[in-house]
Amino acid sequence: MLAVFARERDWESFHSPRNLLLALVFGEVGELSEIFQWRGELSDVILYLVRLAHVCNVNLGEAALEKLRKNASKYPVDNRQLIKH
């Protein structure tokens, strides 16, 4: 849906990986840190991430699951008592 949304508005020429990343870093993520705006900005952040993943041909769901698998291996449950807070 997001790819169609962008295509219908002829935004594809503006949605290079670099531009999407800059929009996230300097726009949406900064706004996300605002105390009273975070709920609305979460949706903007996820939309930019989904669009960036699509433009870069990254399956975001698979990438997230792979990252969770790597983190589970790197930080096994048995070692949680070793982590100091």
PDB file of N, CA and C in Angstrom:
ATOM      1  N   MET A   1       0.819  -1.197   0.000  1.00  0.00           N
ATOM      2  CA  MET A   1       0.000   0.000   0.000  1.00  0.00           C
ATOM      3  C   MET A   1       0.861   1.260   0.000  1.00  0.00           C
ATOM      4  N   LEU A   2       1.949   1.224   0.780  1.00  0.00           N
ATOM      5  CA  LEU A   2       2.805   2.399   0.869  1.00  0.00           C
ATOM      6  C   LEU A   2       3.512   2.674  -0.458  1.00  0.00           C
ATOM      7  N   ALA A   3       3.955   1.615  -1.134  1.00  0.00           N
ATOM      8  CA  ALA A   3       4.613   1.791  -2.431  1.00  0.00           C
ATOM      9  C   ALA A   3       3.645   2.395  -3.443  1.00  0.00           C
ATOM     10  N   VAL A   4       2.408   1.929  -3.454  1.00  0.00           N
ATOM     11  CA  VAL A   4       1.392   2.472  -4.354  1.00  0.00           C
ATOM     12  C   VAL A   4       1.108   3.927  -3.999  1.00  0.00           C
ATOM     13  N   PHE A   5       0.982   4.216  -2.711  1.00  0.00           N
ATOM     14  CA  PHE A   5       0.749   5.583  -2.234  1.00  0.00           C
ATOM     15  C   PHE A   5       1.831   6.523  -2.772  1.00  0.00           C
ATOM     16  N   ALA A   6       3.096   6.119  -2.636  1.00  0.00           N
ATOM     17  CA  ALA A   6       4.216   6.945  -3.093  1.00  0.00           C
ATOM     18  C   ALA A   6       4.214   7.074  -4.621  1.00  0.00           C
ATOM     19  N   ARG A   7       3.953   5.968  -5.315  1.00  0.00           N
ATOM     20  CA  ARG A   7       3.953   5.980  -6.778  1.00  0.00           C
ATOM     21  C   ARG A   7       2.851   6.889  -7.315  1.00  0.00           C
ATOM     22  N   GLU A   8       1.671   6.829  -6.732  1.00  0.00           N
ATOM     23  CA  GLU A   8       0.549   7.650  -7.187  1.00  0.00           C
ATOM     24  C   GLU A   8       0.827   9.146  -7.050  1.00  0.00           C
ATOM     25  N   ARG A   9       1.678   9.506  -6.128  1.00  0.00           N
ATOM     26  CA  ARG A   9       2.006  10.908  -5.897  1.00  0.00           C
ATOM     27  C   ARG A   9       3.322  11.309  -6.555  1.00  0.00           C
ATOM     28  N   ASP A  10       3.898  10.382  -7.328  1.00  0.00           N
ATOM     29  CA  ASP A  10       5.159  10.603  -8.018  1.00  0.00           C
ATOM     30  C   ASP A  10       6.282  10.978  -7.048  1.00  0.00           C
ATOM     31  N   TRP A  11       6.298  10.315  -5.899  1.00  0.00           N
ATOM     32  CA  TRP A  11       7.321  10.579  -4.883  1.00  0.00           C
ATOM     33  C   TRP A  11       8.546   9.690  -5.050  1.00  0.00           C
ATOM     34  N   GLU A  12       8.482   8.699  -5.929  1.00  0.00           N
ATOM     35  CA  GLU A  12       9.582   7.748  -6.045  1.00  0.00           C
ATOM     36  C   GLU A  12      10.911   8.422  -6.360  1.00  0.00           C
ATOM     37  N   SER A  13      10.880   9.493  -7.125  1.00  0.00           N
ATOM     38  CA  SER A  13      12.131  10.188  -7.454  1.00  0.00           C
ATOM     39  C   SER A  13      12.745  10.853  -6.219  1.00  0.00           C
ATOM     40  N   PHE A  14      11.953  11.103  -5.205  1.00  0.00           N
ATOM     41  CA  PHE A  14      12.443  11.731  -3.977  1.00  0.00           C
ATOM     42  C   PHE A  14      12.802  10.708  -2.905  1.00  0.00           C
ATOM     43  N   HIS A  15      12.418   9.449  -3.112  1.00  0.00           N
ATOM     44  CA  HIS A  15      12.582   8.436  -2.078  1.00  0.00           C
ATOM     45  C   HIS A  15      13.810   7.561  -2.309  1.00  0.00           C
ATOM     46  N   SER A  16      14.944   8.180  -2.470  1.00  0.00           N
ATOM     47  CA  SER A  16      16.185   7.408  -2.513  1.00  0.00           C
ATOM     48  C   SER A  16      16.462   6.931  -1.086  1.00  0.00           C
ATOM     49  N   PRO A  17      17.249   5.879  -0.920  1.00  0.00           N
ATOM     50  CA  PRO A  17      17.582   5.445   0.441  1.00  0.00           C
ATOM     51  C   PRO A  17      18.160   6.581   1.281  1.00  0.00           C
ATOM     52  N   ARG A  18      19.016   7.396   0.691  1.00  0.00           N
ATOM     53  CA  ARG A  18      19.626   8.507   1.425  1.00  0.00           C
ATOM     54  C   ARG A  18      18.569   9.498   1.902  1.00  0.00           C
ATOM     55  N   ASN A  19      17.660   9.882   1.016  1.00  0.00           N
ATOM     56  CA  ASN A  19      16.624  10.847   1.390  1.00  0.00           C
ATOM     57  C   ASN A  19      15.686  10.297   2.447  1.00  0.00           C
ATOM     58  N   LEU A  20      15.328   9.022   2.338  1.00  0.00           N
ATOM     59  CA  LEU A  20      14.455   8.416   3.343  1.00  0.00           C
ATOM     60  C   LEU A  20      15.143   8.361   4.698  1.00  0.00           C
ATOM     61  N   LEU A  21      16.417   8.007   4.686  1.00  0.00           N
ATOM     62  CA  LEU A  21      17.170   7.950   5.936  1.00  0.00           C
ATOM     63  C   LEU A  21      17.309   9.332   6.567  1.00  0.00           C
ATOM     64  N   LEU A  22      17.602  10.341   5.752  1.00  0.00           N
ATOM     65  CA  LEU A  22      17.704  11.706   6.278  1.00  0.00           C
ATOM     66  C   LEU A  22      16.376  12.185   6.841  1.00  0.00           C
ATOM     67  N   ALA A  23      15.284  11.829   6.178  1.00  0.00           N
ATOM     68  CA  ALA A  23      13.964  12.203   6.688  1.00  0.00           C
ATOM     69  C   ALA A  23      13.713  11.560   8.045  1.00  0.00           C
ATOM     70  N   LEU A  24      14.151  10.318   8.185  1.00  0.00           N
ATOM     71  CA  LEU A  24      14.003   9.644   9.480  1.00  0.00           C
ATOM     72  C   LEU A  24      14.854  10.306  10.555  1.00  0.00           C
ATOM     73  N   VAL A  25      16.128  10.446  10.275  1.00  0.00           N
ATOM     74  CA  VAL A  25      17.079  10.924  11.283  1.00  0.00           C
ATOM     75  C   VAL A  25      16.826  12.373  11.674  1.00  0.00           C
ATOM     76  N   PHE A  26      16.662  13.234  10.689  1.00  0.00           N
ATOM     77  CA  PHE A  26      16.558  14.659  10.990  1.00  0.00           C
ATOM     78  C   PHE A  26      15.127  15.158  11.112  1.00  0.00           C
ATOM     79  N   GLY A  27      14.176  14.323  10.746  1.00  0.00           N
ATOM     80  CA  GLY A  27      12.794  14.756  10.817  1.00  0.00           C
ATOM     81  C   GLY A  27      12.003  13.972  11.830  1.00  0.00           C
ATOM     82  N   GLU A  28      11.633  12.779  11.434  1.00  0.00           N
ATOM     83  CA  GLU A  28      10.685  12.005  12.219  1.00  0.00           C
ATOM     84  C   GLU A  28      11.225  11.533  13.560  1.00  0.00           C
ATOM     85  N   VAL A  29      12.446  11.039  13.608  1.00  0.00           N
ATOM     86  CA  VAL A  29      12.986  10.552  14.875  1.00  0.00           C
ATOM     87  C   VAL A  29      13.165  11.701  15.861  1.00  0.00           C
ATOM     88  N   GLY A  30      13.566  12.871  15.368  1.00  0.00           N
ATOM     89  CA  GLY A  30      13.665  14.042  16.239  1.00  0.00           C
ATOM     90  C   GLY A  30      12.320  14.428  16.811  1.00  0.00           C
ATOM     91  N   GLU A  31      11.290  14.383  15.971  1.00  0.00           N
ATOM     92  CA  GLU A  31       9.951  14.691  16.439  1.00  0.00           C
ATOM     93  C   GLU A  31       9.455  13.643  17.421  1.00  0.00           C
ATOM     94  N   LEU A  32       9.865  12.395  17.215  1.00  0.00           N
ATOM     95  CA  LEU A  32       9.459  11.316  18.098  1.00  0.00           C
ATOM     96  C   LEU A  32       9.892  11.578  19.537  1.00  0.00           C
ATOM     97  N   SER A  33      11.017  12.254  19.680  1.00  0.00           N
ATOM     98  CA  SER A  33      11.541  12.506  21.021  1.00  0.00           C
ATOM     99  C   SER A  33      10.752  13.577  21.775  1.00  0.00           C
ATOM    100  N   GLU A  34       9.908  14.289  21.088  1.00  0.00           N
ATOM    101  CA  GLU A  34       9.077  15.282  21.752  1.00  0.00           C
ATOM    102  C   GLU A  34       8.082  14.569  22.661  1.00  0.00           C
ATOM    103  N   ILE A  35       8.005  14.987  23.878  1.00  0.00           N
ATOM    104  CA  ILE A  35       7.229  14.290  24.897  1.00  0.00           C
ATOM    105  C   ILE A  35       5.767  14.083  24.509  1.00  0.00           C
ATOM    106  N   PHE A  36       5.112  15.088  24.014  1.00  0.00           N
ATOM    107  CA  PHE A  36       3.680  14.985  23.801  1.00  0.00           C
ATOM    108  C   PHE A  36       3.281  14.574  22.389  1.00  0.00           C
ATOM    109  N   GLN A  37       4.253  14.314  21.529  1.00  0.00           N
ATOM    110  CA  GLN A  37       3.937  13.964  20.148  1.00  0.00           C
ATOM    111  C   GLN A  37       4.271  12.519  19.807  1.00  0.00           C
ATOM    112  N   TRP A  38       4.817  11.756  20.722  1.00  0.00           N
ATOM    113  CA  TRP A  38       5.404  10.473  20.361  1.00  0.00           C
ATOM    114  C   TRP A  38       4.452   9.496  19.705  1.00  0.00           C
ATOM    115  N   ARG A  39       3.194   9.460  20.090  1.00  0.00           N
ATOM    116  CA  ARG A  39       2.280   8.476  19.490  1.00  0.00           C
ATOM    117  C   ARG A  39       2.078   8.722  18.000  1.00  0.00           C
ATOM    118  N   GLY A  40       1.834   9.944  17.617  1.00  0.00           N
ATOM    119  CA  GLY A  40       1.656  10.250  16.195  1.00  0.00           C
ATOM    120  C   GLY A  40       2.917  10.050  15.409  1.00  0.00           C
ATOM    121  N   GLU A  41       4.049  10.360  16.007  1.00  0.00           N
ATOM    122  CA  GLU A  41       5.316  10.240  15.292  1.00  0.00           C
ATOM    123  C   GLU A  41       5.749   8.793  15.124  1.00  0.00           C
ATOM    124  N   LEU A  42       5.336   7.917  16.008  1.00  0.00           N
ATOM    125  CA  LEU A  42       5.654   6.501  15.834  1.00  0.00           C
ATOM    126  C   LEU A  42       5.143   6.002  14.488  1.00  0.00           C
ATOM    127  N   SER A  43       3.958   6.431  14.108  1.00  0.00           N
ATOM    128  CA  SER A  43       3.418   5.997  12.818  1.00  0.00           C
ATOM    129  C   SER A  43       4.240   6.558  11.668  1.00  0.00           C
ATOM    130  N   ASP A  44       4.707   7.792  11.776  1.00  0.00           N
ATOM    131  CA  ASP A  44       5.558   8.358  10.727  1.00  0.00           C
ATOM    132  C   ASP A  44       6.865   7.590  10.616  1.00  0.00           C
ATOM    133  N   VAL A  45       7.455   7.243  11.755  1.00  0.00           N
ATOM    134  CA  VAL A  45       8.721   6.504  11.751  1.00  0.00           C
ATOM    135  C   VAL A  45       8.537   5.143  11.093  1.00  0.00           C
ATOM    136  N   ILE A  46       7.482   4.432  11.444  1.00  0.00           N
ATOM    137  CA  ILE A  46       7.284   3.109  10.853  1.00  0.00           C
ATOM    138  C   ILE A  46       7.026   3.210   9.353  1.00  0.00           C
ATOM    139  N   LEU A  47       6.289   4.232   8.921  1.00  0.00           N
ATOM    140  CA  LEU A  47       6.034   4.389   7.489  1.00  0.00           C
ATOM    141  C   LEU A  47       7.326   4.671   6.724  1.00  0.00           C
ATOM    142  N   TYR A  48       8.194   5.529   7.267  1.00  0.00           N
ATOM    143  CA  TYR A  48       9.482   5.784   6.610  1.00  0.00           C
ATOM    144  C   TYR A  48      10.342   4.526   6.598  1.00  0.00           C
ATOM    145  N   LEU A  49      10.353   3.765   7.686  1.00  0.00           N
ATOM    146  CA  LEU A  49      11.141   2.537   7.725  1.00  0.00           C
ATOM    147  C   LEU A  49      10.644   1.514   6.714  1.00  0.00           C
ATOM    148  N   VAL A  50       9.330   1.368   6.615  1.00  0.00           N
ATOM    149  CA  VAL A  50       8.762   0.438   5.647  1.00  0.00           C
ATOM    150  C   VAL A  50       9.115   0.881   4.232  1.00  0.00           C
ATOM    151  N   ARG A  51       9.000   2.161   3.977  1.00  0.00           N
ATOM    152  CA  ARG A  51       9.320   2.681   2.636  1.00  0.00           C
ATOM    153  C   ARG A  51      10.804   2.501   2.320  1.00  0.00           C
ATOM    154  N   LEU A  52      11.676   2.814   3.292  1.00  0.00           N
ATOM    155  CA  LEU A  52      13.114   2.645   3.103  1.00  0.00           C
ATOM    156  C   LEU A  52      13.448   1.184   2.832  1.00  0.00           C
ATOM    157  N   ALA A  53      12.853   0.278   3.566  1.00  0.00           N
ATOM    158  CA  ALA A  53      13.093  -1.145   3.343  1.00  0.00           C
ATOM    159  C   ALA A  53      12.646  -1.549   1.940  1.00  0.00           C
ATOM    160  N   HIS A  54      11.510  -1.056   1.501  1.00  0.00           N
ATOM    161  CA  HIS A  54      11.006  -1.390   0.169  1.00  0.00           C
ATOM    162  C   HIS A  54      11.948  -0.866  -0.912  1.00  0.00           C
ATOM    163  N   VAL A  55      12.368   0.378  -0.790  1.00  0.00           N
ATOM    164  CA  VAL A  55      13.260   0.992  -1.781  1.00  0.00           C
ATOM    165  C   VAL A  55      14.598   0.248  -1.831  1.00  0.00           C
ATOM    166  N   CYS A  56      15.050  -0.256  -0.693  1.00  0.00           N
ATOM    167  CA  CYS A  56      16.334  -0.973  -0.617  1.00  0.00           C
ATOM    168  C   CYS A  56      16.174  -2.482  -0.824  1.00  0.00           C
ATOM    169  N   ASN A  57      14.955  -2.912  -1.180  1.00  0.00           N
ATOM    170  CA  ASN A  57      14.686  -4.337  -1.382  1.00  0.00           C
ATOM    171  C   ASN A  57      15.036  -5.190  -0.170  1.00  0.00           C
ATOM    172  N   VAL A  58      14.663  -4.702   1.006  1.00  0.00           N
ATOM    173  CA  VAL A  58      14.889  -5.421   2.252  1.00  0.00           C
ATOM    174  C   VAL A  58      13.540  -5.909   2.761  1.00  0.00           C
ATOM    175  N   ASN A  59      13.449  -7.196   3.065  1.00  0.00           N
ATOM    176  CA  ASN A  59      12.245  -7.735   3.682  1.00  0.00           C
ATOM    177  C   ASN A  59      12.350  -7.414   5.170  1.00  0.00           C
ATOM    178  N   LEU A  60      11.641  -6.394   5.591  1.00  0.00           N
ATOM    179  CA  LEU A  60      11.761  -5.883   6.953  1.00  0.00           C
ATOM    180  C   LEU A  60      11.373  -6.934   7.992  1.00  0.00           C
ATOM    181  N   GLY A  61      10.335  -7.692   7.717  1.00  0.00           N
ATOM    182  CA  GLY A  61       9.925  -8.746   8.653  1.00  0.00           C
ATOM    183  C   GLY A  61      11.008  -9.788   8.836  1.00  0.00           C
ATOM    184  N   GLU A  62      11.571 -10.256   7.725  1.00  0.00           N
ATOM    185  CA  GLU A  62      12.646 -11.248   7.796  1.00  0.00           C
ATOM    186  C   GLU A  62      13.879 -10.673   8.479  1.00  0.00           C
ATOM    187  N   ALA A  63      14.216  -9.416   8.185  1.00  0.00           N
ATOM    188  CA  ALA A  63      15.383  -8.785   8.793  1.00  0.00           C
ATOM    189  C   ALA A  63      15.206  -8.670  10.308  1.00  0.00           C
ATOM    190  N   ALA A  64      13.993  -8.310  10.740  1.00  0.00           N
ATOM    191  CA  ALA A  64      13.723  -8.183  12.173  1.00  0.00           C
ATOM    192  C   ALA A  64      13.818  -9.542  12.861  1.00  0.00           C
ATOM    193  N   LEU A  65      13.251 -10.567  12.233  1.00  0.00           N
ATOM    194  CA  LEU A  65      13.319 -11.910  12.826  1.00  0.00           C
ATOM    195  C   LEU A  65      14.757 -12.408  12.898  1.00  0.00           C
ATOM    196  N   GLU A  66      15.544 -12.152  11.857  1.00  0.00           N
ATOM    197  CA  GLU A  66      16.953 -12.556  11.866  1.00  0.00           C
ATOM    198  C   GLU A  66      17.708 -11.837  12.982  1.00  0.00           C
ATOM    199  N   LYS A  67      17.426 -10.551  13.171  1.00  0.00           N
ATOM    200  CA  LYS A  67      18.071  -9.790  14.243  1.00  0.00           C
ATOM    201  C   LYS A  67      17.695 -10.362  15.612  1.00  0.00           C
ATOM    202  N   LEU A  68      16.440 -10.729  15.787  1.00  0.00           N
ATOM    203  CA  LEU A  68      16.019 -11.345  17.048  1.00  0.00           C
ATOM    204  C   LEU A  68      16.740 -12.671  17.283  1.00  0.00           C
ATOM    205  N   ARG A  69      16.881 -13.477  16.213  1.00  0.00           N
ATOM    206  CA  ARG A  69      17.600 -14.749  16.341  1.00  0.00           C
ATOM    207  C   ARG A  69      19.055 -14.514  16.744  1.00  0.00           C
ATOM    208  N   LYS A  70      19.702 -13.521  16.101  1.00  0.00           N
ATOM    209  CA  LYS A  70      21.093 -13.216  16.439  1.00  0.00           C
ATOM    210  C   LYS A  70      21.210 -12.735  17.884  1.00  0.00           C
ATOM    211  N   ASN A  71      20.280 -11.871  18.305  1.00  0.00           N
ATOM    212  CA  ASN A  71      20.313 -11.370  19.677  1.00  0.00           C
ATOM    213  C   ASN A  71      20.055 -12.484  20.680  1.00  0.00           C
ATOM    214  N   ALA A  72      19.177 -13.413  20.339  1.00  0.00           N
ATOM    215  CA  ALA A  72      18.909 -14.542  21.229  1.00  0.00           C
ATOM    216  C   ALA A  72      20.155 -15.401  21.398  1.00  0.00           C
ATOM    217  N   SER A  73      20.900 -15.558  20.320  1.00  0.00           N
ATOM    218  CA  SER A  73      22.145 -16.323  20.393  1.00  0.00           C
ATOM    219  C   SER A  73      23.222 -15.559  21.165  1.00  0.00           C
ATOM    220  N   LYS A  74      23.289 -14.261  20.937  1.00  0.00           N
ATOM    221  CA  LYS A  74      24.296 -13.418  21.582  1.00  0.00           C
ATOM    222  C   LYS A  74      24.001 -13.223  23.065  1.00  0.00           C
ATOM    223  N   TYR A  75      22.727 -13.142  23.418  1.00  0.00           N
ATOM    224  CA  TYR A  75      22.310 -12.903  24.797  1.00  0.00           C
ATOM    225  C   TYR A  75      21.353 -14.003  25.252  1.00  0.00           C
ATOM    226  N   PRO A  76      21.883 -15.206  25.498  1.00  0.00           N
ATOM    227  CA  PRO A  76      21.006 -16.306  25.903  1.00  0.00           C
ATOM    228  C   PRO A  76      20.366 -16.047  27.271  1.00  0.00           C
ATOM    229  N   VAL A  77      19.234 -16.676  27.493  1.00  0.00           N
ATOM    230  CA  VAL A  77      18.495 -16.502  28.741  1.00  0.00           C
ATOM    231  C   VAL A  77      19.344 -16.888  29.939  1.00  0.00           C
ATOM    232  N   ASP A  78      20.168 -17.903  29.820  1.00  0.00           N
ATOM    233  CA  ASP A  78      20.983 -18.370  30.941  1.00  0.00           C
ATOM    234  C   ASP A  78      21.972 -17.326  31.434  1.00  0.00           C
ATOM    235  N   ASN A  79      22.311 -16.348  30.611  1.00  0.00           N
ATOM    236  CA  ASN A  79      23.298 -15.338  30.993  1.00  0.00           C
ATOM    237  C   ASN A  79      22.677 -14.075  31.571  1.00  0.00           C
ATOM    238  N   ARG A  80      21.374 -14.027  31.759  1.00  0.00           N
ATOM    239  CA  ARG A  80      20.770 -12.774  32.208  1.00  0.00           C
ATOM    240  C   ARG A  80      21.219 -12.377  33.596  1.00  0.00           C
ATOM    241  N   GLN A  81      21.611 -13.332  34.440  1.00  0.00           N
ATOM    242  CA  GLN A  81      22.108 -12.953  35.765  1.00  0.00           C
ATOM    243  C   GLN A  81      23.476 -12.281  35.691  1.00  0.00           C
ATOM    244  N   LEU A  82      24.177 -12.403  34.546  1.00  0.00           N
ATOM    245  CA  LEU A  82      25.480 -11.779  34.384  1.00  0.00           C
ATOM    246  C   LEU A  82      25.361 -10.320  33.993  1.00  0.00           C
ATOM    247  N   ILE A  83      24.211  -9.935  33.502  1.00  0.00           N
ATOM    248  CA  ILE A  83      24.011  -8.548  33.073  1.00  0.00           C
ATOM    249  C   ILE A  83      23.719  -7.694  34.295  1.00  0.00           C
ATOM    250  N   LYS A  84      24.555  -6.683  34.498  1.00  0.00           N
ATOM    251  CA  LYS A  84      24.375  -5.799  35.645  1.00  0.00           C
ATOM    252  C   LYS A  84      23.659  -4.534  35.217  1.00  0.00           C
ATOM    253  N   HIS A  85      22.743  -4.085  36.023  1.00  0.00           N
ATOM    254  CA  HIS A  85      21.979  -2.873  35.696  1.00  0.00           C
ATOM    255  C   HIS A  85      22.482  -1.724  36.521  1.00  0.00           C
TER     256      HIS A  85
END
